[in-house]
Protein backbone atom coordinates (compact mmCIF):
# COMPACT_ATOMS: atom_id res chain seq x y z
CA MET A 1 49.71 37.35 -43.20
CA GLU A 2 51.37 38.84 -40.01
CA SER A 3 49.09 41.86 -39.98
CA GLU A 4 45.77 39.57 -41.07
CA ILE A 5 46.08 37.92 -37.96
CA LYS A 6 46.68 40.74 -35.80
CA LYS A 7 43.72 42.33 -37.46
CA ILE A 8 41.48 39.29 -36.46
CA ILE A 9 42.42 39.50 -33.47
CA GLU A 10 41.75 43.42 -33.08
CA GLU A 11 38.19 42.36 -34.25
CA CYS A 12 37.85 39.69 -31.99
CA GLU A 13 38.97 41.99 -28.81
CA ALA A 14 36.69 44.56 -30.12
CA TYR A 15 33.87 41.93 -30.01
CA ALA A 16 34.29 40.49 -26.71
CA GLN A 17 34.47 44.35 -25.24
CA GLU A 18 31.01 44.89 -26.78
CA ASN A 19 29.77 41.99 -25.52
CA GLY A 20 31.41 42.29 -22.06
CA LEU A 21 33.69 39.46 -22.60
CA LYS A 22 37.32 38.68 -22.88
CA LEU A 23 39.48 37.14 -24.83
CA ASN A 24 41.97 34.47 -23.58
CA ASP A 25 44.99 35.50 -22.24
CA SER A 26 46.96 33.14 -24.02
CA ALA A 27 48.75 34.72 -27.40
CA GLU A 28 49.99 31.67 -28.51
CA MET A 29 46.70 30.61 -28.26
CA LEU A 30 44.87 33.86 -29.98
CA GLU A 31 47.76 33.70 -32.86
CA GLY A 32 46.44 30.00 -33.37
CA LEU A 33 42.56 30.22 -33.45
CA ALA A 34 43.24 33.53 -35.56
CA LYS A 35 45.41 31.43 -38.16
CA ARG A 36 42.50 28.56 -38.28
CA LEU A 37 39.83 31.52 -38.81
CA LEU A 38 42.05 32.94 -41.77
CA GLU A 39 42.46 29.97 -43.12
CA ASN A 40 38.47 28.93 -43.09
CA GLU A 41 38.01 32.30 -44.37
CA LYS A 42 40.53 31.85 -47.54
CA LYS A 43 39.14 28.06 -48.07
CA TYR A 44 35.13 28.31 -47.09
CA GLY A 45 34.90 32.80 -47.64
CA ALA A 46 34.07 33.18 -44.14
CA ARG A 47 35.58 32.82 -40.62
CA TYR A 48 33.81 29.85 -39.52
CA CYS A 49 34.91 28.96 -36.13
CA PRO A 50 37.63 26.26 -35.73
CA CYS A 51 35.89 24.72 -33.44
CA ARG A 52 33.10 23.70 -35.75
CA VAL A 53 32.21 21.32 -38.88
CA ILE A 54 31.70 22.85 -41.87
CA LYS A 55 28.89 20.97 -43.85
CA ASN A 56 28.95 22.98 -47.49
CA GLN A 57 25.10 23.85 -46.34
CA PRO A 58 25.31 27.88 -46.60
CA GLU A 59 21.86 27.81 -44.10
CA ILE A 60 23.78 25.18 -41.99
CA ASP A 61 27.23 26.61 -41.81
CA GLN A 62 26.22 30.74 -41.72
CA LYS A 63 25.56 29.67 -37.77
CA ASN A 64 29.33 28.67 -37.70
CA ILE A 65 30.33 32.23 -38.84
CA CYS A 66 33.14 33.45 -35.77
CA PRO A 67 31.65 34.68 -33.53
CA CYS A 68 29.33 31.82 -33.80
CA PHE A 69 25.44 31.50 -32.99
CA TYR A 70 26.37 28.35 -30.77
CA SER A 71 29.04 30.66 -28.40
CA LYS A 72 26.36 32.28 -26.27
CA GLU A 73 25.15 29.75 -24.66
CA GLU A 74 28.31 27.71 -24.33
CA LEU A 75 30.09 31.25 -22.44
CA GLU A 76 26.62 30.98 -19.95
CA LYS A 77 26.85 27.36 -19.64
CA THR A 78 30.75 26.57 -19.17
CA GLY A 79 32.17 30.67 -19.19
CA HIS A 80 33.63 30.37 -22.64
CA CYS A 81 33.02 29.35 -26.05
CA LEU A 82 33.74 25.53 -27.21
CA CYS A 83 37.41 26.77 -29.11
CA TRP A 84 38.26 29.10 -25.64
CA LEU A 85 38.38 32.41 -27.85
CA PHE A 86 36.14 34.12 -25.92
CA LEU A 87 35.80 34.05 -22.26
CA LYS A 88 33.04 35.51 -19.54
CA LYS A 89 34.77 38.34 -17.63
């Protein structure tokens, strides 16, 4: 499981770099969010954001796959996504 968590964090880091963002500085928080993404992937078949409600409606839930559809707007408004995984530089 540790290697899966590390892989998720690396993928999130790559996404952040590609999009001019940064990851949360807290290693504990990153690990916790990665664990929750992994749990959602095992439970629902996709890495749904841990801060979103899964409704078992694919057309709606698709927008909740991390990095979710809503994160860009949240980053612009508050400087971070709802779960604080991604932050503006």
